[in-house]
Amino acid sequence: MGIIDGFSHLVIHVTDLERSEAFYRDVIGLDVIGRDLVNDQGPNLLLAMNTRQRVLLVEVPEVVAIRTNSSTIHHAWLLTMEGFERTRARLEKMGYDVADSRAQFRAMGEHSMDVFDPDGHRFQIQAYAPEATAVVCDNTGPISCGHMDDFPVGTVKPFVKGKFFLVRLDDGFIALSRWCTHLNGLLSWKKEHWEFYCPMHGARFDRRGMPRPLSHSCIPLRIHPVTITDDGEVMVDPDTAIGRDGFSPDQVVAGEPGAHLCADVMEGA
């Protein structure tokens, strides 16, 4: 099977073609191509997006917009932020509720609102602002994490201030940013699975900050400089985020007094 680079058309069942035409034309903003251009059972209407995809409305006697164990069958439109703001203003003017009922579950810079067609189909309208992929910094300054002997091998300790994880691997310490590199959701540590998990979109990373197989296609987690003072205190600088293409042993700081991130790794900051 070849690589799929898009879809041709979306078929949506409706109970009143006239009513649905007005919604998809005036509310969603699709362009009408024509009636009964497709050999399908029942009257139909073909509409065009501003890409090469099409939406086909087919009139049927009954529509079931709710599926088992779900709130609705839903589709999503992905817009630019400029298009999203224009759409939100237009929908609000038309009397639609444009509040995001799931705002607490969104990653940073992720914008979303829902609109329902006359038959109850839910359409999620989405956009991603630049902050969705920006490097986030809390400007906390260096943070003392405790003595190195307080972190046995296998320890993963989250820090709220600075938003990072301090991980003790076999070879030493690595400090991983808690910001997911997919879309800036805040990661949590799932001890039972030995992995970091993003509740926003399900991205998963191992203890080195590398994406898990079959997880979201994203870059490794950013790391922060770790320094071990002469008396064994572990210091992390969360204000410096270092991007990586992969994992290498020189990203790990040895668990011994005076150890710190090597200069070659720091040049990537």
Protein backbone atom coordinates (compact mmCIF):
# COMPACT_ATOMS: atom_id res chain seq x y z
CA MET A 1 0.00 0.00 0.00
CA GLY A 2 1.33 3.45 -0.92
CA ILE A 3 1.66 6.45 1.37
CA ILE A 4 -1.63 8.29 1.94
CA ASP A 5 -1.18 12.06 1.76
CA GLY A 6 -4.78 13.14 2.36
CA PHE A 7 -8.41 12.17 1.82
CA SER A 8 -10.73 12.71 -1.15
CA HIS A 9 -14.08 13.44 0.46
CA LEU A 10 -16.11 13.14 3.64
CA VAL A 11 -19.66 11.75 3.51
CA ILE A 12 -22.14 13.11 6.06
CA HIS A 13 -25.73 11.89 6.39
CA VAL A 14 -28.37 14.58 6.93
CA THR A 15 -32.16 14.55 7.20
CA ASP A 16 -32.91 17.86 5.46
CA LEU A 17 -30.64 18.76 2.55
CA GLU A 18 -31.89 22.35 2.26
CA ARG A 19 -31.33 23.05 5.95
CA SER A 20 -27.93 21.39 5.97
CA GLU A 21 -26.82 23.24 2.83
CA ALA A 22 -27.44 26.55 4.61
CA PHE A 23 -25.42 25.40 7.63
CA TYR A 24 -22.39 24.06 5.77
CA ARG A 25 -22.39 27.02 3.37
CA ASP A 26 -23.09 29.90 5.75
CA VAL A 27 -21.75 28.63 9.09
CA ILE A 28 -18.88 26.33 8.14
CA GLY A 29 -18.06 28.37 5.03
CA LEU A 30 -17.84 25.62 2.38
CA ASP A 31 -18.40 26.35 -1.30
CA VAL A 32 -21.38 24.68 -3.01
CA ILE A 33 -20.40 22.69 -6.10
CA GLY A 34 -23.78 21.22 -7.00
CA ARG A 35 -26.70 18.88 -6.34
CA ASP A 36 -26.92 15.19 -7.21
CA LEU A 37 -23.50 15.03 -8.83
CA VAL A 38 -22.72 11.72 -7.15
CA ASN A 39 -24.40 8.40 -7.81
CA ASP A 40 -25.62 7.78 -4.29
CA GLN A 41 -28.92 6.62 -2.82
CA GLY A 42 -30.95 9.70 -1.94
CA PRO A 43 -30.53 13.40 -2.80
CA ASN A 44 -27.01 14.71 -2.25
CA LEU A 45 -24.99 17.90 -2.28
CA LEU A 46 -21.27 18.26 -2.99
CA LEU A 47 -19.33 21.05 -1.28
CA ALA A 48 -15.68 22.10 -1.45
CA MET A 49 -13.15 23.07 1.18
CA ASN A 50 -10.44 25.57 0.33
CA THR A 51 -8.16 22.56 -0.09
CA ARG A 52 -8.70 19.80 -2.63
CA GLN A 53 -11.01 17.81 -0.34
CA ARG A 54 -14.79 17.67 -0.70
CA VAL A 55 -17.75 17.17 1.65
CA LEU A 56 -20.71 15.16 0.39
CA LEU A 57 -24.07 15.57 2.16
CA VAL A 58 -26.47 12.69 1.56
CA GLU A 59 -30.11 12.98 2.64
CA VAL A 60 -31.41 9.96 4.56
CA PRO A 61 -34.60 9.33 6.57
CA GLU A 62 -32.82 9.20 9.94
CA VAL A 63 -29.43 10.22 11.34
CA VAL A 64 -27.78 8.77 14.44
CA ALA A 65 -25.28 11.37 15.60
CA ILE A 66 -24.55 9.62 18.90
CA ARG A 67 -22.50 6.43 18.99
CA THR A 68 -22.21 3.90 21.81
CA ASN A 69 -19.98 5.01 24.71
CA SER A 70 -19.34 8.41 23.11
CA SER A 71 -20.76 11.90 23.31
CA THR A 72 -21.01 12.31 19.53
CA ILE A 73 -19.47 11.30 16.24
CA HIS A 74 -17.27 14.27 15.51
CA HIS A 75 -14.92 15.65 12.89
CA ALA A 76 -12.34 18.40 13.22
CA TRP A 77 -11.33 21.33 11.04
CA LEU A 78 -7.77 22.63 11.49
CA LEU A 79 -7.39 26.35 10.76
CA THR A 80 -4.65 28.92 10.99
CA MET A 81 -4.88 31.16 14.07
CA GLU A 82 -6.01 34.05 11.86
CA GLY A 83 -8.74 31.89 10.35
CA PHE A 84 -9.71 30.58 13.77
CA GLU A 85 -10.17 34.09 15.18
CA ARG A 86 -12.26 35.16 12.17
CA THR A 87 -14.38 32.02 12.48
CA ARG A 88 -14.89 32.49 16.21
CA ALA A 89 -16.01 36.09 15.71
CA ARG A 90 -18.41 35.07 12.94
CA LEU A 91 -19.90 32.17 14.93
CA GLU A 92 -20.30 34.34 18.02
CA LYS A 93 -22.11 36.97 15.95
CA MET A 94 -24.44 34.25 14.64
CA GLY A 95 -25.31 33.25 18.22
CA TYR A 96 -23.22 30.09 18.57
CA ASP A 97 -21.55 29.19 21.85
CA VAL A 98 -17.82 29.46 21.10
CA ALA A 99 -16.57 28.61 24.61
CA ASP A 100 -14.20 25.63 24.87
CA SER A 101 -15.84 23.18 27.26
CA ARG A 102 -12.59 21.18 27.51
CA ALA A 103 -10.17 24.09 27.90
CA GLN A 104 -8.52 22.46 30.94
CA PHE A 105 -7.43 19.56 28.75
CA ARG A 106 -5.73 21.67 26.06
CA ALA A 107 -2.00 21.98 25.63
CA MET A 108 -0.41 25.43 25.65
CA GLY A 109 -1.27 27.29 22.44
CA GLU A 110 -4.00 24.82 21.47
CA HIS A 111 -7.32 26.53 20.66
CA SER A 112 -10.60 24.73 20.09
CA MET A 113 -14.35 25.26 19.90
CA ASP A 114 -17.30 23.05 18.95
CA VAL A 115 -20.23 23.66 16.63
CA PHE A 116 -23.11 21.27 15.91
CA ASP A 117 -24.87 20.84 12.58
CA PRO A 118 -28.71 20.64 12.42
CA ASP A 119 -28.60 16.83 12.81
CA GLY A 120 -26.33 16.91 15.87
CA HIS A 121 -22.98 16.12 14.23
CA ARG A 122 -20.23 17.78 16.24
CA PHE A 123 -17.46 19.65 14.47
CA GLN A 124 -14.38 20.60 16.42
CA ILE A 125 -12.66 23.71 15.06
CA GLN A 126 -8.99 23.85 16.02
CA ALA A 127 -5.88 25.99 15.63
CA TYR A 128 -2.39 26.04 17.08
CA ALA A 129 -0.71 29.30 18.11
CA PRO A 130 3.10 29.67 18.08
CA GLU A 131 3.30 29.02 21.83
CA ALA A 132 2.19 25.41 21.16
CA THR A 133 5.75 24.58 20.08
CA ALA A 134 7.73 27.39 21.78
CA VAL A 135 10.44 26.68 24.34
CA VAL A 136 8.84 27.54 27.69
CA CYS A 137 10.96 29.08 30.46
CA ASP A 138 9.80 30.00 33.98
CA ASN A 139 12.86 32.18 34.75
CA THR A 140 13.40 30.54 38.13
CA GLY A 141 17.19 30.50 38.18
CA PRO A 142 19.23 27.43 39.24
CA ILE A 143 17.38 25.04 41.56
CA SER A 144 18.92 22.93 44.32
CA CYS A 145 17.44 19.43 44.12
CA GLY A 146 19.15 17.87 47.14
CA HIS A 147 22.19 15.70 47.73
CA MET A 148 23.13 13.20 45.04
CA ASP A 149 22.95 10.33 47.56
CA ASP A 150 19.23 11.07 47.98
CA PHE A 151 18.63 9.82 44.43
CA PRO A 152 19.24 6.07 44.05
CA VAL A 153 19.43 4.64 40.53
CA GLY A 154 15.93 4.52 39.03
CA THR A 155 14.67 7.65 40.80
CA VAL A 156 12.43 9.97 38.79
CA LYS A 157 11.54 13.10 40.76
CA PRO A 158 9.24 15.82 39.34
CA PHE A 159 9.86 19.46 40.25
CA VAL A 160 6.94 21.90 40.02
CA LYS A 161 9.22 24.93 40.17
CA GLY A 162 11.09 24.99 36.86
CA LYS A 163 8.87 22.18 35.49
CA PHE A 164 11.40 19.39 35.03
CA PHE A 165 12.11 15.80 36.03
CA LEU A 166 15.40 14.81 37.64
CA VAL A 167 16.21 11.25 36.61
CA ARG A 168 18.95 9.05 38.08
CA LEU A 169 20.09 6.62 35.40
CA ASP A 170 22.75 3.93 35.81
CA ASP A 171 25.46 6.32 34.60
CA GLY A 172 24.30 9.46 36.40
CA PHE A 173 21.78 12.29 36.25
CA ILE A 174 19.70 13.81 33.48
CA ALA A 175 17.17 16.63 33.89
CA LEU A 176 14.26 16.46 31.44
CA SER A 177 11.85 19.27 30.67
CA ARG A 178 8.25 18.47 31.62
CA TRP A 179 7.01 20.26 28.47
CA CYS A 180 6.00 17.74 25.81
CA THR A 181 7.74 18.34 22.49
CA HIS A 182 4.55 17.49 20.61
CA LEU A 183 2.41 20.49 21.57
CA ASN A 184 3.58 21.75 25.00
CA GLY A 185 1.38 19.66 27.23
CA LEU A 186 2.74 19.01 30.74
CA LEU A 187 4.04 15.47 31.14
CA SER A 188 3.44 13.17 34.09
CA TRP A 189 5.55 10.21 35.22
CA LYS A 190 3.79 6.83 34.97
CA LYS A 191 5.87 4.68 37.31
CA GLU A 192 3.91 1.51 36.56
CA HIS A 193 4.88 1.80 32.88
CA TRP A 194 8.32 3.37 33.37
CA GLU A 195 7.50 6.22 31.01
CA PHE A 196 6.52 9.87 30.79
CA TYR A 197 3.01 10.48 29.45
CA CYS A 198 1.30 13.54 27.99
CA PRO A 199 -2.42 13.55 28.90
CA MET A 200 -3.17 16.05 26.11
CA HIS A 201 -2.50 13.84 23.09
CA GLY A 202 -0.96 10.64 24.44
CA ALA A 203 2.73 11.15 23.60
CA ARG A 204 5.03 8.86 25.60
CA PHE A 205 8.75 9.02 26.40
CA ASP A 206 11.22 6.73 28.16
CA ARG A 207 13.43 7.73 31.11
CA ARG A 208 16.03 9.19 28.75
CA GLY A 209 13.35 11.44 27.24
CA MET A 210 13.20 9.52 23.96
CA PRO A 211 9.80 9.04 22.23
CA ARG A 212 8.36 5.58 22.67
CA PRO A 213 7.71 3.40 19.60
CA LEU A 214 4.20 3.95 18.19
CA SER A 215 3.92 7.19 20.15
CA HIS A 216 3.51 10.62 18.55
CA SER A 217 6.18 11.49 16.02
CA CYS A 218 8.05 14.19 17.95
CA ILE A 219 11.59 15.09 18.95
CA PRO A 220 13.16 13.94 22.25
CA LEU A 221 12.43 15.91 25.40
CA ARG A 222 14.68 18.90 25.99
CA ILE A 223 17.26 18.61 28.76
CA HIS A 224 18.51 21.11 31.33
CA PRO A 225 22.11 21.51 32.57
CA VAL A 226 22.91 19.50 35.70
CA THR A 227 25.83 20.34 37.99
CA ILE A 228 27.05 18.38 41.01
CA THR A 229 28.76 20.70 43.49
CA ASP A 230 31.94 19.70 45.30
CA ASP A 231 29.88 18.70 48.34
CA GLY A 232 27.47 16.58 46.27
CA GLU A 233 24.54 18.96 45.88
CA VAL A 234 22.57 18.47 42.63
CA MET A 235 21.84 21.76 40.84
CA VAL A 236 19.59 22.10 37.77
CA ASP A 237 19.26 25.17 35.52
CA PRO A 238 15.70 24.98 34.08
CA ASP A 239 16.14 28.37 32.38
CA THR A 240 18.44 26.71 29.83
CA ALA A 241 16.69 24.20 27.56
CA ILE A 242 18.81 22.09 25.23
CA GLY A 243 17.18 20.51 22.19
CA ARG A 244 18.29 17.08 21.02
CA ASP A 245 18.03 14.90 17.93
CA GLY A 246 18.56 11.79 20.03
CA PHE A 247 20.20 10.41 23.14
CA SER A 248 23.95 10.16 23.74
CA PRO A 249 25.85 9.21 26.94
CA ASP A 250 27.45 12.67 27.19
CA GLN A 251 24.00 14.10 28.03
CA VAL A 252 24.17 12.27 31.37
CA VAL A 253 26.07 13.92 34.26
CA ALA A 254 28.07 11.47 36.35
CA GLY A 255 26.87 11.07 39.93
CA GLU A 256 30.04 12.39 41.52
CA PRO A 257 31.12 15.71 43.09
CA GLY A 258 32.25 18.32 40.56
CA ALA A 259 30.50 16.70 37.56
CA HIS A 260 28.63 18.84 35.06
CA LEU A 261 27.25 18.78 31.52
CA CYS A 262 30.05 18.72 28.97
CA ALA A 263 30.78 21.75 26.77
CA ASP A 264 29.77 19.99 23.53
CA VAL A 265 26.26 19.36 24.85
CA MET A 266 25.95 22.92 26.20
CA GLU A 267 26.72 24.32 22.74
CA GLY A 268 23.36 22.96 21.63
CA ALA A 269 21.48 25.17 24.10
